[in-house]
Protein backbone atom coordinates (compact mmCIF):
# COMPACT_ATOMS: atom_id res chain seq x y z
CA MET A 1 14.26 -15.02 -10.00
CA PHE A 2 15.01 -11.58 -11.40
CA ILE A 3 13.25 -8.59 -9.79
CA PHE A 4 13.09 -5.66 -12.22
CA SER A 5 11.67 -2.57 -10.54
CA PHE A 6 12.70 1.07 -10.51
CA ASP A 7 10.78 1.28 -7.22
CA TYR A 8 13.10 -0.68 -4.94
CA PRO A 9 14.90 -0.04 -1.64
CA PRO A 10 16.31 2.27 -0.46
CA LEU A 11 13.26 3.99 -1.98
CA ASP A 12 10.17 3.61 0.18
CA GLY A 13 6.56 3.03 -0.81
CA GLY A 14 4.37 0.00 -1.39
CA ILE A 15 5.88 -1.19 -4.69
CA ALA A 16 9.43 -0.98 -3.36
CA ARG A 17 8.44 -2.89 -0.25
CA LEU A 18 6.62 -5.60 -2.20
CA CYS A 19 9.55 -6.14 -4.59
CA SER A 20 12.01 -6.22 -1.69
CA GLU A 21 9.91 -8.80 0.17
CA LEU A 22 9.60 -10.96 -2.95
CA ALA A 23 13.37 -10.91 -3.42
CA ALA A 24 14.06 -11.71 0.24
CA GLY A 25 11.30 -14.33 0.45
CA PHE A 26 12.37 -16.33 -2.58
CA SER A 27 16.02 -16.05 -1.54
CA ARG A 28 15.09 -17.60 1.84
CA ARG A 29 13.45 -20.44 -0.10
CA GLY A 30 16.77 -21.17 -1.79
CA VAL A 31 15.82 -19.62 -5.14
CA PRO A 32 18.72 -17.74 -6.79
CA THR A 33 17.50 -14.13 -6.77
CA GLU A 34 18.86 -10.88 -8.12
CA ALA A 35 17.45 -7.41 -8.79
CA LEU A 36 17.74 -4.61 -11.34
CA SER A 37 16.84 -1.11 -10.21
CA LYS A 38 18.09 2.47 -10.29
CA LEU A 39 20.56 4.43 -8.22
CA PRO A 40 21.24 5.42 -5.50
CA GLY A 41 22.59 3.10 -2.88
CA ALA A 42 22.28 -0.54 -1.95
CA GLY A 43 19.09 -2.43 -1.22
CA LEU A 44 17.89 -2.97 2.32
CA ASP A 45 18.67 -6.67 1.98
CA SER A 46 22.40 -6.80 1.20
CA THR A 47 22.17 -10.52 0.43
CA ILE A 48 20.30 -9.80 -2.83
CA PRO A 49 22.71 -8.99 -5.69
CA THR A 50 21.39 -5.76 -7.21
CA THR A 51 22.42 -4.07 -10.45
CA ARG A 52 21.91 -0.31 -10.38
CA VAL A 53 21.43 1.90 -13.44
CA THR A 54 21.44 5.68 -13.69
CA ARG A 55 18.24 7.44 -12.67
CA LEU A 56 18.58 9.97 -15.52
CA ARG A 57 15.87 9.44 -18.13
CA PRO A 58 15.85 8.13 -20.85
CA LEU A 59 19.32 6.73 -20.06
CA MET A 60 17.76 4.78 -17.18
CA GLU A 61 15.45 2.83 -19.50
CA ALA A 62 18.15 2.35 -22.14
CA SER A 63 20.65 0.99 -19.62
CA ALA A 64 18.08 -1.35 -18.08
CA PHE A 65 17.12 -2.59 -21.56
CA ARG A 66 20.78 -3.47 -22.31
CA HIS A 67 21.01 -5.39 -19.03
CA LEU A 68 17.86 -7.33 -19.88
CA LEU A 69 19.24 -8.23 -23.32
CA ALA A 70 22.48 -9.49 -21.80
CA ARG A 71 20.79 -11.41 -18.99
CA ARG A 72 21.03 -15.17 -19.03
CA ARG A 73 17.80 -16.98 -18.29
CA ASN A 74 17.59 -17.78 -14.59
CA GLY A 75 13.96 -17.98 -13.55
CA PRO A 76 11.17 -15.47 -14.18
CA VAL A 77 11.57 -11.73 -14.59
CA VAL A 78 9.17 -10.03 -12.15
CA CYS A 79 8.34 -6.50 -13.33
CA GLY A 80 7.37 -3.99 -10.65
CA LEU A 81 5.00 -2.13 -13.00
CA TRP A 82 3.63 -2.79 -16.48
CA TYR A 83 5.24 0.48 -17.62
CA PRO A 84 8.08 1.02 -18.09
CA GLU A 85 9.46 -2.22 -16.63
CA GLY A 86 6.97 -4.59 -18.24
CA VAL A 87 7.26 -2.93 -21.63
CA LEU A 88 11.08 -2.98 -21.51
CA ALA A 89 11.13 -6.67 -20.48
CA MET A 90 8.73 -7.50 -23.32
CA LEU A 91 10.81 -5.64 -25.91
CA ALA A 92 13.96 -7.36 -24.65
CA GLY A 93 12.30 -10.77 -25.02
CA ALA A 94 12.78 -11.61 -21.33
CA ARG A 95 10.91 -14.81 -20.45
CA PRO A 96 9.18 -16.08 -18.45
CA ARG A 97 7.72 -12.70 -17.57
CA VAL A 98 5.55 -11.78 -14.57
CA VAL A 99 3.95 -8.34 -14.20
CA LEU A 100 2.79 -6.90 -10.86
CA ALA A 101 -0.43 -4.86 -10.93
CA HIS A 102 -1.31 -2.30 -8.27
CA GLY A 103 -4.36 -0.27 -9.33
CA SER A 104 -4.31 3.28 -10.64
CA GLU A 105 -1.58 2.62 -13.24
CA LEU A 106 -4.10 0.42 -15.08
CA MET A 107 -6.65 3.22 -15.47
CA PRO A 108 -6.98 5.39 -18.61
CA ALA A 109 -4.26 7.97 -19.15
CA ARG A 110 -5.34 11.42 -18.01
CA ALA A 111 -4.44 13.09 -21.31
CA ALA A 112 -7.10 12.16 -23.87
CA TRP A 113 -4.62 12.17 -26.77
CA ARG A 114 -2.56 9.43 -25.07
CA ARG A 115 -5.40 7.10 -24.17
CA GLY A 116 -5.59 5.04 -27.36
CA LEU A 117 -1.85 4.34 -27.51
CA TRP A 118 -1.68 3.74 -23.75
CA ARG A 119 -4.58 1.27 -23.88
CA ARG A 120 -3.05 -0.72 -26.74
CA MET A 121 0.39 -0.83 -25.11
CA LEU A 122 -1.12 -1.91 -21.78
CA ARG A 123 -3.17 -4.68 -23.41
CA ARG A 124 -0.19 -6.02 -25.35
CA THR A 125 2.05 -5.99 -22.26
CA LEU A 126 -0.46 -7.82 -20.08
CA LEU A 127 -1.43 -10.37 -22.73
CA GLY A 128 2.25 -11.09 -23.39
CA ALA A 129 3.01 -11.83 -19.73
CA ASP A 130 3.11 -15.40 -18.51
CA LEU A 131 1.35 -14.22 -15.34
CA VAL A 132 -0.07 -10.96 -14.00
CA VAL A 133 -0.21 -10.78 -10.19
CA ALA A 134 -2.69 -8.21 -8.85
CA ASN A 135 -2.69 -6.91 -5.29
CA SER A 136 -6.48 -7.28 -4.83
CA GLY A 137 -9.61 -8.62 -6.44
CA TYR A 138 -10.44 -5.07 -7.56
CA THR A 139 -7.09 -4.68 -9.32
CA LYS A 140 -7.48 -8.09 -10.95
CA GLY A 141 -10.75 -6.80 -12.40
CA LEU A 142 -8.90 -3.80 -13.86
CA VAL A 143 -6.34 -6.15 -15.41
CA GLU A 144 -8.99 -8.35 -17.00
CA ALA A 145 -10.91 -5.33 -18.33
CA ALA A 146 -7.73 -3.94 -19.91
CA ALA A 147 -6.58 -7.26 -21.39
CA PRO A 148 -9.37 -9.86 -21.64
CA GLY A 149 -7.93 -13.35 -21.77
CA CYS A 150 -4.67 -12.61 -19.97
CA ARG A 151 -3.61 -14.90 -17.14
CA ALA A 152 -4.21 -12.91 -13.94
CA VAL A 153 -4.47 -13.81 -10.26
CA ALA A 154 -5.15 -11.77 -7.14
CA ILE A 155 -2.82 -12.17 -4.18
CA PRO A 156 -3.65 -9.63 -1.45
CA LEU A 157 -0.57 -8.01 0.04
CA ALA A 158 1.10 -8.82 3.33
CA VAL A 159 2.96 -7.00 6.08
CA ASP A 160 6.10 -7.44 8.17
CA HIS A 161 4.24 -8.62 11.26
CA ILE A 162 7.46 -8.78 13.29
CA ARG A 163 8.37 -5.12 12.81
CA PHE A 164 4.75 -3.97 12.92
CA SER A 165 3.62 -5.46 16.21
CA PRO A 166 1.27 -4.43 19.04
CA PRO A 167 2.48 -2.41 22.03
CA ALA A 168 3.66 -4.44 24.99
CA GLY A 169 0.68 -3.69 27.19
CA PRO A 170 -0.48 -0.26 28.42
CA ALA A 171 3.07 0.77 29.20
CA GLY A 172 4.11 0.13 25.58
CA ARG A 173 1.26 2.23 24.21
CA ALA A 174 2.06 5.00 26.69
CA ALA A 175 5.70 4.96 25.56
CA SER A 176 4.66 5.24 21.90
CA ARG A 177 2.41 8.19 22.73
CA ALA A 178 5.16 9.87 24.73
CA LYS A 179 7.50 9.52 21.74
CA PHE A 180 5.21 11.79 19.71
CA GLY A 181 4.31 14.07 22.62
CA LEU A 182 0.65 13.02 22.72
CA ASP A 183 -1.77 13.72 25.54
CA PRO A 184 -2.51 10.28 27.07
CA SER A 185 -6.12 11.27 27.75
CA LYS A 186 -6.96 11.90 24.08
CA ARG A 187 -8.65 9.50 21.65
CA VAL A 188 -6.09 9.47 18.86
CA VAL A 189 -7.18 9.06 15.23
CA LEU A 190 -4.38 8.44 12.71
CA THR A 191 -4.23 8.66 8.93
CA VAL A 192 -1.11 7.95 6.85
CA SER A 193 -1.02 8.70 3.12
CA ARG A 194 0.05 11.17 0.49
CA LEU A 195 -1.76 14.46 1.05
CA LYS A 196 -4.09 14.29 -1.94
CA ARG A 197 -7.75 15.22 -1.72
CA TYR A 198 -8.94 11.87 -3.06
CA LYS A 199 -7.44 10.18 0.01
CA GLY A 200 -10.52 11.27 1.93
CA HIS A 201 -9.10 13.49 4.68
CA GLU A 202 -12.16 15.71 4.45
CA THR A 203 -14.41 12.77 5.31
CA ILE A 204 -12.53 12.54 8.62
CA PHE A 205 -12.85 16.30 9.17
CA HIS A 206 -16.61 16.14 8.58
CA ALA A 207 -16.96 13.18 10.95
CA LEU A 208 -15.10 15.00 13.73
CA THR A 209 -17.17 18.13 13.16
CA SER A 210 -20.36 16.09 13.62
CA LEU A 211 -19.38 14.90 17.10
CA GLU A 212 -21.02 16.59 20.06
CA GLU A 213 -18.77 19.30 21.51
CA PRO A 214 -17.88 17.53 24.81
CA VAL A 215 -16.95 14.37 22.89
CA ARG A 216 -15.08 16.16 20.10
CA ARG A 217 -12.89 17.95 22.62
CA ASN A 218 -11.32 14.60 23.56
CA PHE A 219 -10.23 13.69 20.01
CA LEU A 220 -6.93 14.33 18.24
CA LEU A 221 -6.27 13.64 14.56
CA LEU A 222 -2.72 12.87 13.43
CA VAL A 223 -2.12 13.42 9.71
CA ALA A 224 1.11 11.82 8.46
CA GLY A 225 2.41 12.35 4.95
CA ARG A 226 3.26 15.00 2.40
CA GLY A 227 1.61 15.99 -0.85
CA SER A 228 0.54 18.73 -3.22
CA ASP A 229 -2.89 19.20 -1.61
CA GLU A 230 -1.66 19.96 1.91
CA ALA A 231 -2.59 23.65 1.76
CA ALA A 232 -6.10 22.84 0.50
CA LEU A 233 -6.56 20.25 3.23
CA ARG A 234 -5.40 22.66 5.93
CA ASP A 235 -7.90 25.18 4.62
CA ALA A 236 -10.66 22.54 4.71
CA ALA A 237 -9.83 21.66 8.33
CA ALA A 238 -10.05 25.34 9.27
CA ARG A 239 -13.29 25.84 7.35
CA LEU A 240 -14.89 22.86 9.12
CA GLY A 241 -13.75 24.04 12.53
CA VAL A 242 -11.36 21.18 13.38
CA ALA A 243 -7.98 22.83 12.74
CA ASP A 244 -7.19 22.86 16.46
CA MET A 245 -7.79 19.07 16.61
CA VAL A 246 -5.30 18.23 13.83
CA ARG A 247 -1.54 17.71 14.07
CA TRP A 248 0.23 17.70 10.70
CA LEU A 249 3.23 15.39 11.06
CA GLY A 250 4.63 15.65 7.54
CA TYR A 251 6.91 12.85 6.40
CA VAL A 252 7.31 10.15 9.06
CA PRO A 253 10.40 7.90 8.62
CA GLU A 254 9.78 4.21 8.10
CA SER A 255 11.58 3.50 11.37
CA ASP A 256 8.99 5.54 13.31
CA LEU A 257 5.86 4.13 11.68
CA PRO A 258 5.33 1.16 14.06
CA ASP A 259 5.32 3.44 17.10
CA LEU A 260 3.01 5.87 15.32
CA TYR A 261 0.44 3.11 14.69
CA ARG A 262 0.79 1.91 18.30
CA ALA A 263 0.12 5.44 19.56
CA ALA A 264 -3.28 5.57 17.83
CA ASP A 265 -6.65 4.31 19.03
CA ILE A 266 -7.90 3.95 15.47
CA PHE A 267 -6.53 4.24 11.92
CA VAL A 268 -8.68 5.82 9.18
CA LEU A 269 -8.18 6.22 5.43
CA CYS A 270 -11.31 6.89 3.36
CA THR A 271 -9.91 6.96 -0.18
CA ARG A 272 -12.34 8.00 -2.91
CA GLU A 273 -12.53 6.22 -6.28
CA ASP A 274 -12.38 8.26 -9.49
CA PRO A 275 -11.17 6.21 -12.51
CA GLU A 276 -11.18 9.25 -14.84
CA ARG A 277 -8.54 10.91 -12.68
CA GLN A 278 -6.59 7.69 -12.01
CA GLU A 279 -7.52 7.96 -8.33
CA VAL A 280 -8.12 4.77 -6.36
CA GLU A 281 -6.63 2.69 -3.56
CA GLY A 282 -5.57 -0.53 -5.27
CA PHE A 283 -5.04 -2.15 -1.87
CA GLY A 284 -3.63 0.01 0.94
CA LEU A 285 -0.67 -1.50 2.76
CA VAL A 286 -1.08 1.03 5.57
CA PHE A 287 -4.27 -0.77 6.64
CA LEU A 288 -2.28 -3.95 7.29
CA GLU A 289 0.47 -2.06 9.08
CA ALA A 290 -2.04 -0.49 11.47
CA GLN A 291 -3.84 -3.77 12.14
CA ALA A 292 -0.54 -5.60 12.69
CA CYS A 293 0.13 -3.07 15.46
CA GLY A 294 -3.19 -3.94 17.09
CA THR A 295 -4.93 -0.77 15.90
CA PRO A 296 -8.42 -1.08 14.39
CA ALA A 297 -8.64 0.23 10.82
CA VAL A 298 -11.45 2.05 9.02
CA GLY A 299 -11.57 2.34 5.24
CA ALA A 300 -13.98 3.22 2.47
CA ARG A 301 -15.55 0.38 0.53
CA THR A 302 -13.71 1.44 -2.63
CA GLY A 303 -11.01 -0.06 -4.82
CA GLY A 304 -9.05 -2.87 -3.18
CA ILE A 305 -9.60 -1.70 0.40
CA PRO A 306 -12.08 -4.53 1.14
CA ASP A 307 -9.17 -6.96 0.62
CA ALA A 308 -7.12 -5.09 3.24
CA ILE A 309 -9.88 -4.74 5.87
CA ARG A 310 -12.36 -7.41 6.88
CA ASP A 311 -15.45 -5.63 8.14
CA GLY A 312 -16.25 -6.90 11.62
CA ASP A 313 -12.93 -8.72 12.03
CA GLY A 314 -10.49 -6.09 13.23
CA GLY A 315 -11.84 -3.22 11.17
CA PHE A 316 -14.70 -1.30 9.60
CA LEU A 317 -15.74 -0.60 6.00
CA ILE A 318 -17.92 2.40 5.22
CA ALA A 319 -19.37 3.77 1.99
CA GLN A 320 -17.45 6.41 0.06
CA ASP A 321 -17.82 9.86 1.67
CA ASP A 322 -20.04 8.44 4.45
CA HIS A 323 -18.86 10.73 7.23
CA ALA A 324 -22.02 10.00 9.24
CA ALA A 325 -21.00 6.34 9.56
CA LEU A 326 -17.50 7.42 10.58
CA THR A 327 -18.96 9.76 13.19
CA GLY A 328 -20.81 6.77 14.66
CA ILE A 329 -17.56 4.81 14.89
CA PHE A 330 -15.83 7.71 16.62
CA ARG A 331 -18.72 8.00 19.05
CA ARG A 332 -18.42 4.28 19.90
CA LEU A 333 -14.69 4.75 20.48
CA ALA A 334 -15.40 7.60 22.91
CA GLU A 335 -18.02 5.62 24.80
CA ARG A 336 -16.45 2.12 24.78
CA PRO A 337 -12.67 2.28 24.37
CA GLY A 338 -12.26 -1.24 25.77
CA GLU A 339 -14.29 -2.59 22.85
CA PHE A 340 -11.78 -1.08 20.42
CA GLU A 341 -8.88 -2.66 22.25
CA ALA A 342 -10.58 -6.03 21.64
CA ILE A 343 -11.11 -5.12 17.97
CA GLY A 344 -7.41 -4.32 17.75
CA ARG A 345 -6.52 -7.74 19.12
CA ALA A 346 -8.79 -9.35 16.52
CA ALA A 347 -7.05 -7.31 13.82
CA ARG A 348 -3.65 -8.57 14.95
CA ALA A 349 -4.88 -12.18 15.03
CA ARG A 350 -6.14 -11.89 11.44
CA ILE A 351 -2.77 -10.50 10.30
CA GLU A 352 -0.95 -13.45 11.85
CA ARG A 353 -3.36 -15.91 10.18
CA GLU A 354 -3.58 -14.43 6.71
CA CYS A 355 -1.24 -11.53 5.99
CA THR A 356 2.41 -12.48 6.59
CA TRP A 357 5.05 -12.15 3.89
CA ASP A 358 6.01 -15.81 4.20
CA GLY A 359 2.41 -16.71 3.39
CA TYR A 360 2.38 -14.26 0.48
CA VAL A 361 5.55 -15.69 -1.06
CA GLU A 362 4.20 -19.23 -0.63
CA ARG A 363 1.05 -18.34 -2.56
CA PHE A 364 3.08 -16.47 -5.18
CA ALA A 365 5.18 -19.59 -5.71
CA ARG A 366 2.04 -21.74 -6.07
CA GLU A 367 0.59 -19.39 -8.69
CA LEU A 368 3.86 -19.45 -10.63
CA GLU A 369 3.78 -23.24 -10.62
CA ALA A 370 0.14 -23.28 -11.73
CA ALA A 371 1.04 -20.98 -14.64
CA GLY A 372 3.88 -23.27 -15.67
CA VAL A 373 6.57 -20.74 -14.67
CA ALA A 374 9.71 -22.47 -13.43
CA LEU A 375 11.70 -20.70 -10.72
CA GLY A 376 15.11 -21.55 -12.11
């Protein structure tokens, strides 16, 4: 198997993590596996041979293209994105070819003058693939709308359930809270994402504002992440009267994320869906990370989020922008915290049943076999 992705460790993010887990998972299964990515540094899994090309564009694409031309056939080429990786693999004649699909990259280009060309190139790339693997049923629908007749399957993502694990009892949760200097008496709400307005931070602000004053005083919102809309979101928090309830954490290293999820009573991400602006949550790996740590998750019923959260089984789904429903959930948390601890345990149990990387790789292998794609 040949993993071709410019998003690959040591870079972080969902695509890099998925490609890394595919490489490691198939290697554990005894499948010869290598990767092609960009500088700098070595991958997180040093057992995976990785070719690195310059990150300077367009030299990056040209160098990767030459490597693909020189590559001897040794199982499928798995492309991290349809563009540029999928296009380059297609032009190089690399076969069999598998394309990963994530969500927003399948939506119309923002610039109107590019849309026709982009749409034709996307359709040709997807139709030419031996298999397109989408991260959710929603994303599979985007694939099929862009390239009717292509071979596409949906395999919801997974999580490292060993690294992301629940706190070891009350003492473990207390230790995680102490690590971030949190008041142990507070009800802690956590959101982790890029700081973009479509991620729905303002829905959380509105929900907190709607709480009765004595209840609201006991809540703390942790906002982790960086992004171009941070100033606008800070202004919104001040305008809605919740600025004193929000701690802006900025970038949180991957190594600290498990403790951050363990420190929270509830995780919330209410991403809005706007296809015209290429804004959607194709899946939302952070939902699985939170639930794996025994923290209930709340998400909007948009995009692929319903594949990441099962309403009533460790989490909650609400309508887009429905801050009243979120207020009700917060009120329940304030009144019955023990109920949310039980919901968190149900979330963890679901992760162990359905959302491990070993299970993901097993299903990926079955879909390859069903598509007639030999592993080597």
